[in-house]
Each structure stands twice: as structure tokens, then as C-alpha cells.
N, C-alpha and C. Protein backbone atom coordinates (compact mmCIF):
# COMPACT_ATOMS: atom_id res chain seq x y z
N MET A 1 0.50 -1.58 0.05
CA MET A 1 -0.25 0.06 0.25
C MET A 1 0.94 1.38 -0.11
N PRO A 2 0.62 2.02 -1.18
CA PRO A 2 1.67 3.10 -1.13
C PRO A 2 1.36 4.23 -0.05
N GLN A 3 2.20 4.71 0.61
CA GLN A 3 2.56 5.52 1.92
C GLN A 3 3.40 7.00 1.22
N LEU A 4 3.08 8.06 2.20
CA LEU A 4 3.80 9.52 1.89
C LEU A 4 4.81 9.52 2.59
N TYR A 5 6.09 10.01 1.68
CA TYR A 5 7.17 10.41 2.23
C TYR A 5 7.35 11.76 2.09
N PHE A 6 7.97 12.18 3.18
CA PHE A 6 8.61 13.78 3.81
C PHE A 6 9.86 13.84 3.55
N ALA A 7 10.67 14.14 2.12
CA ALA A 7 11.93 14.57 2.28
C ALA A 7 12.62 15.93 2.35
N TYR A 8 13.18 16.41 2.90
CA TYR A 8 13.69 17.60 3.43
C TYR A 8 14.97 17.53 2.76
N ALA A 9 16.06 16.57 2.44
CA ALA A 9 17.29 17.17 2.37
C ALA A 9 17.70 16.60 0.87
N SER A 10 18.82 15.81 1.09
CA SER A 10 19.28 15.36 -0.22
C SER A 10 18.36 14.76 -1.59
N ASN A 11 17.49 13.97 0.06
CA ASN A 11 16.29 12.83 -1.14
C ASN A 11 15.37 14.03 -2.07
N MET A 12 15.45 15.16 -1.68
CA MET A 12 14.26 15.98 -2.91
C MET A 12 15.23 15.91 -4.28
N GLU A 13 16.39 15.75 -4.10
CA GLU A 13 17.15 15.48 -5.97
C GLU A 13 16.68 14.79 -6.48
N PRO A 14 16.02 15.01 -7.94
CA PRO A 14 15.17 14.09 -8.10
C PRO A 14 15.69 12.82 -9.02
N ARG A 15 17.36 12.80 -9.23
CA ARG A 15 17.94 11.73 -10.01
C ARG A 15 18.39 11.16 -8.63
N ARG A 16 18.86 11.77 -7.57
CA ARG A 16 18.87 10.42 -6.67
C ARG A 16 17.92 9.94 -5.66
N PHE A 17 16.65 11.03 -6.01
CA PHE A 17 15.53 9.87 -5.18
C PHE A 17 15.45 8.97 -6.49
N GLN A 18 15.53 9.09 -7.71
CA GLN A 18 14.95 8.09 -8.42
C GLN A 18 15.53 7.04 -8.53
N ARG A 19 16.99 6.94 -7.92
CA ARG A 19 18.07 5.72 -7.97
C ARG A 19 17.33 5.35 -6.77
N LEU A 20 17.14 5.70 -5.69
CA LEU A 20 16.70 5.02 -4.40
C LEU A 20 15.02 4.33 -4.28
N CYS A 21 14.42 4.81 -5.00
CA CYS A 21 12.98 4.66 -5.18
C CYS A 21 12.48 4.84 -6.48
N PRO A 22 12.64 3.74 -7.94
CA PRO A 22 12.17 3.97 -8.95
C PRO A 22 10.92 3.94 -8.96
N GLY A 23 10.21 3.42 -8.29
CA GLY A 23 8.87 2.93 -8.73
C GLY A 23 8.19 4.43 -7.61
N GLY A 24 8.82 5.60 -6.77
CA GLY A 24 8.12 6.50 -6.22
C GLY A 24 7.79 7.50 -7.42
N THR A 25 7.00 8.31 -6.68
CA THR A 25 6.12 9.45 -7.46
C THR A 25 6.15 10.51 -6.44
N PHE A 26 6.48 11.74 -7.16
CA PHE A 26 6.64 12.94 -6.79
C PHE A 26 5.58 13.59 -6.84
N VAL A 27 5.02 13.66 -5.51
CA VAL A 27 3.29 14.25 -5.10
C VAL A 27 3.43 15.89 -5.27
N GLY A 28 4.27 16.91 -4.41
CA GLY A 28 4.67 17.93 -4.92
C GLY A 28 5.13 18.46 -3.51
N PRO A 29 5.17 20.13 -3.60
CA PRO A 29 6.55 20.59 -2.24
C PRO A 29 5.37 20.64 -1.27
N ALA A 30 5.71 20.21 0.25
CA ALA A 30 5.16 20.50 1.22
C ALA A 30 5.96 21.06 2.49
N ARG A 31 5.09 21.07 3.54
CA ARG A 31 5.57 22.22 4.64
C ARG A 31 5.15 21.86 5.88
N LEU A 32 6.49 21.24 6.61
CA LEU A 32 6.30 20.74 8.29
C LEU A 32 6.11 21.62 9.29
N PRO A 33 5.40 22.25 9.65
CA PRO A 33 5.39 23.38 10.82
C PRO A 33 5.73 22.36 12.08
N GLY A 34 6.52 23.50 12.96
CA GLY A 34 6.77 23.15 14.19
C GLY A 34 8.37 22.38 14.06
N ARG A 35 8.98 22.42 13.01
CA ARG A 35 10.72 21.93 13.46
C ARG A 35 11.15 22.85 12.10
N ARG A 36 12.40 22.79 13.09
CA ARG A 36 13.20 23.36 11.72
C ARG A 36 14.26 22.64 11.49
N LEU A 37 15.26 23.10 10.33
CA LEU A 37 16.21 22.25 9.65
C LEU A 37 17.38 22.47 11.05
N ALA A 38 18.17 21.63 11.08
CA ALA A 38 19.51 21.69 11.83
C ALA A 38 20.38 20.43 11.02
N PHE A 39 21.61 20.51 11.78
CA PHE A 39 22.86 19.68 11.17
C PHE A 39 23.48 19.12 12.11
N SER A 40 22.56 18.04 13.09
CA SER A 40 23.02 17.65 14.05
C SER A 40 23.49 16.49 14.27
N ARG A 41 24.13 16.04 13.40
CA ARG A 41 24.97 14.50 13.19
C ARG A 41 25.89 14.62 12.36
N TYR A 42 27.09 13.79 12.67
CA TYR A 42 28.33 14.06 11.79
C TYR A 42 28.21 12.58 10.95
N SER A 43 28.36 13.11 9.69
CA SER A 43 28.37 12.03 8.60
C SER A 43 29.79 12.09 8.05
N ARG A 44 30.15 10.80 7.96
CA ARG A 44 31.97 10.81 7.58
C ARG A 44 31.78 10.70 6.02
N GLN A 45 30.90 9.94 5.53
CA GLN A 45 30.41 9.62 3.86
C GLN A 45 30.06 11.59 3.40
N ARG A 46 29.26 12.21 4.14
CA ARG A 46 29.29 13.53 3.60
C ARG A 46 30.36 14.49 4.32
N ARG A 47 31.05 14.47 5.12
CA ARG A 47 32.68 14.88 5.01
C ARG A 47 31.91 16.02 6.54
N GLY A 48 30.82 16.20 6.55
CA GLY A 48 30.03 17.31 7.09
C GLY A 48 28.94 16.72 8.06
N GLY A 49 28.17 18.16 8.39
CA GLY A 49 26.80 17.80 9.34
C GLY A 49 26.04 17.31 8.26
N SER A 50 25.08 16.12 8.80
CA SER A 50 23.94 16.16 8.01
C SER A 50 22.62 16.39 8.32
N THR A 51 21.24 16.40 7.89
CA THR A 51 20.38 17.27 8.32
C THR A 51 19.78 16.63 8.99
N ASP A 52 18.67 17.08 10.25
CA ASP A 52 17.58 16.58 10.64
C ASP A 52 16.96 17.79 11.00
N ILE A 53 15.57 17.39 11.44
CA ILE A 53 14.26 18.41 11.91
C ILE A 53 14.44 18.51 13.19
N VAL A 54 14.59 19.24 14.01
CA VAL A 54 14.53 19.29 15.31
C VAL A 54 13.01 20.01 15.66
N PRO A 55 12.36 19.72 16.72
CA PRO A 55 11.18 20.71 17.23
C PRO A 55 11.31 21.87 17.57
N ASP A 56 10.50 22.95 16.87
CA ASP A 56 10.81 24.26 17.37
C ASP A 56 9.38 24.82 16.79
N ALA A 57 8.75 25.20 17.67
CA ALA A 57 7.36 25.88 17.69
C ALA A 57 7.15 26.62 16.52
N GLU A 58 8.10 27.80 16.42
CA GLU A 58 7.96 28.95 15.88
C GLU A 58 8.42 28.81 14.44
N ALA A 59 9.14 27.37 13.82
CA ALA A 59 9.79 27.13 12.48
C ALA A 59 8.78 26.50 11.96
N GLU A 60 9.48 26.25 10.63
CA GLU A 60 8.94 25.21 9.37
C GLU A 60 9.87 24.58 8.68
N VAL A 61 9.78 23.91 8.23
CA VAL A 61 10.71 23.17 7.30
C VAL A 61 10.02 22.62 5.72
N TRP A 62 10.43 23.18 5.02
CA TRP A 62 9.98 22.71 3.44
C TRP A 62 11.01 21.80 2.76
N GLY A 63 9.82 20.81 1.89
CA GLY A 63 10.84 19.37 1.73
C GLY A 63 9.60 18.84 0.34
N ALA A 64 10.18 17.78 -0.24
CA ALA A 64 9.22 17.43 -0.88
C ALA A 64 8.77 16.25 -0.62
N LEU A 65 7.15 15.76 -1.60
CA LEU A 65 6.44 15.21 -0.94
C LEU A 65 6.23 13.61 -1.91
N TYR A 66 6.39 12.81 -1.50
CA TYR A 66 6.56 11.69 -2.33
C TYR A 66 5.41 10.55 -2.02
N GLU A 67 4.61 9.74 -2.97
CA GLU A 67 3.93 8.56 -2.93
C GLU A 67 5.66 7.47 -2.86
N VAL A 68 5.83 6.21 -1.65
CA VAL A 68 6.35 5.20 -2.45
C VAL A 68 5.43 4.18 -1.57
N SER A 69 6.44 2.96 -1.66
CA SER A 69 5.79 1.52 -1.57
C SER A 69 6.71 1.36 -0.19
N GLU A 70 6.29 0.18 0.19
CA GLU A 70 6.64 -0.52 1.65
C GLU A 70 8.26 -0.73 1.24
N ALA A 71 8.55 -1.43 0.05
CA ALA A 71 10.14 -1.75 -0.36
C ALA A 71 10.65 -0.52 -0.81
N ASP A 72 9.89 0.29 -1.16
CA ASP A 72 10.92 1.84 -1.00
C ASP A 72 11.63 2.32 0.08
N LEU A 73 10.34 2.44 1.30
CA LEU A 73 10.75 2.65 2.84
C LEU A 73 11.68 1.96 3.17
N ASP A 74 12.05 0.49 2.81
CA ASP A 74 13.06 -0.21 3.20
C ASP A 74 14.01 0.12 2.90
N THR A 75 13.93 0.44 1.58
CA THR A 75 15.34 0.82 1.06
C THR A 75 15.84 2.45 1.35
N LEU A 76 14.77 3.48 1.60
CA LEU A 76 15.09 4.59 2.04
C LEU A 76 15.73 4.30 3.88
N ASP A 77 15.08 3.16 4.71
CA ASP A 77 15.79 3.09 5.95
C ASP A 77 17.32 2.47 6.09
N ARG A 78 17.59 2.31 4.48
CA ARG A 78 18.77 1.33 4.56
C ARG A 78 19.71 2.51 3.86
N SER A 79 19.31 3.53 3.37
CA SER A 79 19.71 4.59 2.45
C SER A 79 20.38 5.32 4.20
N GLU A 80 19.36 5.30 4.82
CA GLU A 80 19.31 6.56 6.34
C GLU A 80 20.03 6.10 6.99
N ASP A 81 20.26 4.54 7.51
CA ASP A 81 21.11 3.75 8.17
C ASP A 81 20.23 4.07 9.92
N VAL A 82 18.70 3.32 9.36
CA VAL A 82 18.22 3.55 10.52
C VAL A 82 18.45 2.25 11.18
N PRO A 83 18.71 1.47 12.53
CA PRO A 83 18.24 3.17 13.48
C PRO A 83 19.48 3.71 13.76
N ALA A 84 20.62 3.33 13.44
CA ALA A 84 21.97 3.81 13.86
C ALA A 84 21.96 5.14 13.54
N ALA A 85 21.38 5.44 12.74
CA ALA A 85 22.14 6.99 12.24
C ALA A 85 20.46 7.74 12.30
N TYR A 86 19.60 7.54 11.80
CA TYR A 86 18.28 8.15 11.93
C TYR A 86 17.15 7.18 12.20
N ARG A 87 15.84 7.65 12.60
CA ARG A 87 14.57 6.94 12.97
C ARG A 87 13.43 7.46 12.37
N ARG A 88 12.77 6.73 11.92
CA ARG A 88 11.54 7.46 11.09
C ARG A 88 10.59 7.70 12.10
N LEU A 89 9.94 8.55 11.42
CA LEU A 89 8.72 9.58 12.08
C LEU A 89 7.60 9.50 11.39
N THR A 90 6.54 9.63 11.55
CA THR A 90 5.29 10.17 11.02
C THR A 90 5.12 11.29 11.72
N ALA A 91 4.78 12.06 10.73
CA ALA A 91 4.72 13.49 10.68
C ALA A 91 3.55 13.91 9.97
N VAL A 92 2.88 15.27 10.55
CA VAL A 92 1.72 15.48 10.08
C VAL A 92 2.20 16.85 8.67
N VAL A 93 2.21 16.97 7.44
CA VAL A 93 2.53 17.78 6.68
C VAL A 93 1.82 18.65 5.71
N GLU A 94 2.14 19.78 5.28
CA GLU A 94 0.90 20.30 4.47
C GLU A 94 1.06 20.38 3.14
N ASP A 95 0.05 19.75 2.36
CA ASP A 95 0.93 19.95 0.97
C ASP A 95 0.31 21.26 0.22
N ALA A 96 0.71 21.41 -1.37
CA ALA A 96 0.59 22.83 -1.78
C ALA A 96 -0.85 23.04 -2.03
N GLU A 97 -1.73 21.96 -2.09
CA GLU A 97 -3.11 22.20 -1.40
C GLU A 97 -4.04 23.20 -0.11
N GLY A 98 -2.70 23.38 0.54
CA GLY A 98 -2.93 23.69 2.21
C GLY A 98 -3.64 22.24 2.77
N ARG A 99 -3.90 21.25 2.65
CA ARG A 99 -4.34 19.86 3.08
C ARG A 99 -3.36 19.21 4.23
N GLU A 100 -3.30 18.77 5.06
CA GLU A 100 -2.93 17.89 6.22
C GLU A 100 -2.73 16.40 5.56
N ARG A 101 -1.78 16.14 5.53
CA ARG A 101 -1.17 14.56 5.53
C ARG A 101 -0.54 14.30 6.05
N GLN A 102 -0.39 13.21 6.40
CA GLN A 102 0.60 12.27 7.29
C GLN A 102 1.57 11.78 6.39
N ALA A 103 2.48 11.64 6.71
CA ALA A 103 3.84 11.12 5.90
C ALA A 103 5.16 10.66 6.75
N VAL A 104 5.59 9.52 6.28
CA VAL A 104 6.91 9.00 6.98
C VAL A 104 7.90 10.37 6.83
N THR A 105 8.71 10.28 7.84
CA THR A 105 10.06 11.38 7.53
C THR A 105 10.74 10.69 8.52
N TYR A 106 12.32 11.27 8.05
CA TYR A 106 13.43 10.67 9.17
C TYR A 106 14.27 11.55 9.76
N VAL A 107 14.42 11.71 11.60
CA VAL A 107 15.00 12.28 12.17
C VAL A 107 16.21 11.50 12.75
N ALA A 108 17.28 12.68 12.99
CA ALA A 108 18.78 11.59 13.51
C ALA A 108 18.40 11.59 14.86
N ASN A 109 19.29 10.80 15.02
CA ASN A 109 20.32 10.16 16.28
C ASN A 109 21.03 11.36 16.43
N ARG A 110 20.63 12.16 17.44
CA ARG A 110 21.61 13.66 17.01
C ARG A 110 23.33 13.01 17.94
N THR A 111 24.46 13.90 16.98
CA THR A 111 25.65 13.97 17.84
C THR A 111 26.40 15.05 17.98
N GLY A 112 25.50 15.82 18.19
CA GLY A 112 26.16 17.36 18.06
C GLY A 112 25.67 18.49 17.18
N ASP A 113 25.97 19.35 16.58
CA ASP A 113 25.64 20.38 15.66
C ASP A 113 27.08 20.81 15.05
N PHE A 114 26.82 20.35 13.83
CA PHE A 114 27.99 20.74 12.88
C PHE A 114 27.76 21.36 11.27
N LEU A 115 28.56 22.05 10.61
CA LEU A 115 28.66 22.82 9.49
C LEU A 115 28.24 21.43 8.96
N PRO A 116 27.26 21.85 7.17
CA PRO A 116 27.84 20.76 6.38
C PRO A 116 28.72 21.04 5.23
N HIS A 117 28.78 20.25 4.87
CA HIS A 117 29.93 20.34 3.40
C HIS A 117 29.49 21.15 2.45
N PRO A 118 30.10 22.06 1.91
CA PRO A 118 29.00 22.85 0.63
C PRO A 118 28.68 21.52 -0.41
N ASP A 119 29.12 20.73 -0.52
CA ASP A 119 28.53 19.91 -1.93
C ASP A 119 27.40 19.34 -1.17
N TYR A 120 26.79 19.02 -0.15
CA TYR A 120 25.93 18.35 0.46
C TYR A 120 24.91 19.58 0.42
N LEU A 121 25.10 20.54 1.04
CA LEU A 121 23.97 21.86 0.67
C LEU A 121 23.99 22.13 -0.55
N ARG A 122 25.15 21.81 -1.64
CA ARG A 122 24.39 22.02 -2.82
C ARG A 122 23.20 21.24 -3.61
N LEU A 123 23.50 20.00 -3.13
CA LEU A 123 22.61 18.87 -3.86
C LEU A 123 21.18 19.22 -2.81
N ILE A 124 21.03 19.96 -1.69
CA ILE A 124 19.94 19.86 -0.98
C ILE A 124 19.20 21.38 -1.88
N VAL A 125 20.04 22.26 -1.90
CA VAL A 125 19.72 23.25 -2.55
C VAL A 125 19.03 23.11 -4.14
N GLN A 126 20.01 22.20 -4.84
CA GLN A 126 19.67 21.75 -6.41
C GLN A 126 18.08 20.94 -6.36
N GLY A 127 17.89 19.78 -5.43
CA GLY A 127 16.93 19.25 -4.92
C GLY A 127 15.73 20.56 -4.59
N ALA A 128 15.23 21.38 -3.84
CA ALA A 128 14.65 22.51 -3.58
C ALA A 128 14.09 23.45 -4.82
N GLU A 129 15.15 23.44 -5.39
CA GLU A 129 15.09 24.29 -6.66
C GLU A 129 14.09 23.34 -7.80
N ALA A 130 14.88 22.49 -7.77
CA ALA A 130 13.84 21.19 -8.88
C ALA A 130 12.52 20.97 -8.30
N ARG A 131 12.13 20.80 -6.92
CA ARG A 131 11.00 20.58 -6.82
C ARG A 131 10.18 21.85 -6.44
N GLY A 132 10.55 22.89 -6.85
CA GLY A 132 10.02 23.73 -6.84
C GLY A 132 9.07 24.49 -5.43
N LEU A 133 10.01 24.30 -4.29
CA LEU A 133 10.21 24.83 -3.10
C LEU A 133 10.25 26.57 -3.29
N PRO A 134 9.26 26.95 -2.38
CA PRO A 134 9.20 28.32 -2.06
C PRO A 134 10.69 29.35 -2.19
N PRO A 135 10.67 30.40 -3.02
CA PRO A 135 11.93 30.79 -3.02
C PRO A 135 12.86 31.28 -1.99
N GLU A 136 11.83 31.82 -0.50
CA GLU A 136 12.55 32.35 0.54
C GLU A 136 12.97 30.80 1.41
N TRP A 137 12.19 30.05 1.11
CA TRP A 137 13.12 28.65 1.46
C TRP A 137 14.42 28.45 1.04
N ILE A 138 14.32 28.76 -0.38
CA ILE A 138 15.74 28.46 -1.14
C ILE A 138 16.90 29.15 -0.43
N ARG A 139 16.51 30.61 -0.79
CA ARG A 139 17.38 31.75 -0.30
C ARG A 139 17.46 31.56 1.33
N HIS A 140 17.00 30.43 2.30
CA HIS A 140 17.46 30.60 3.63
C HIS A 140 18.21 29.01 3.21
N LEU A 141 18.00 28.04 2.60
CA LEU A 141 19.05 26.79 2.14
C LEU A 141 19.96 27.85 1.95
N LYS A 142 20.45 28.35 1.00
CA LYS A 142 21.76 29.20 0.26
C LYS A 142 22.54 29.72 1.72
N SER A 143 21.51 30.31 2.34
CA SER A 143 22.38 31.27 3.56
C SER A 143 23.14 30.50 4.52
N ILE A 144 22.66 29.20 4.56
CA ILE A 144 23.20 28.44 5.40
C ILE A 144 24.88 28.55 5.88
N LYS A 145 25.96 28.21 6.88
CA LYS A 145 26.81 28.35 6.32
C LYS A 145 27.37 26.99 6.26
N THR A 146 28.38 26.66 5.92
CA THR A 146 29.23 25.28 5.15
C THR A 146 30.60 25.70 5.85
N LEU A 147 31.45 24.29 6.16
CA LEU A 147 32.65 24.22 6.25
C LEU A 147 33.48 25.10 5.23
């Protein structure tokens, strides 16, 4: 049975997502209120901070909403190194039409506060642009300090 998946980092990038979830479908941009983007886990693979969404009542995170299969979620679990590095969270996001939808997303098992590598942030920005996220969110992403 298809499920919704909210991607807010490198999995927004179309080619990367397609490699991970070839049967997945892009639904549209989505907004997650009550969370803010953070880089709270160090990634040797990414050579810097890896993304997370931490509780913050005054914030919101924009991302890409996808429809995925259970097999796709298993692949995403492996890609996100569940349960060692990340864990699944069911969150309520708002889609492009303003409807609330339940979606699976991933939150980090935090190890500190880190700066992201420029290549990683560039991939996130490319995904945000490709998925039509709001210009103010893209400006915010571009303003994040990197290593």
C-alpha cells in the first residue's frame, strides 16, 4: 500500500530519489510546521553535518512529498542507516493545496551541531529548486554556513 514520504534534504534531488525509489512518485512541495532544519549528526560519508528536523514551535521546514511503496521505505531505511543514524517519524505535513497529510520522514539520532559540507548543501539546494520549493526557503538554504 503506497505511503507518503516527506524528504527535506538530499532525497529531494530528482536523480538521487529516482535511484533510491524507482517506483516512487513526486506529489508536490510540502511544509512541515513546528520543526526547523538542523545539522545535528556528523556524517563521514558527507564529510560534515547531516540534516535533521528538530522541534521548534516557531519554525517550519519545506520539502518534497512523495508517494512510495513499503519496499521503497525499506530502501530508504537502509539509505538512512536506520536505526543507528536515523529513525522514522510520522509527521503531519501540509501539501501544496493546504491539506494536512500524514507522511513518513526521518529524524537523526543527534551527535552534536555541525556545519554541512558545501557539496551536500548544494545537493539540497538543487533538490529544493527542482521540486519547486518557495524562493524564500531556497534563499534560507543558500544562507546556511558550510565548512
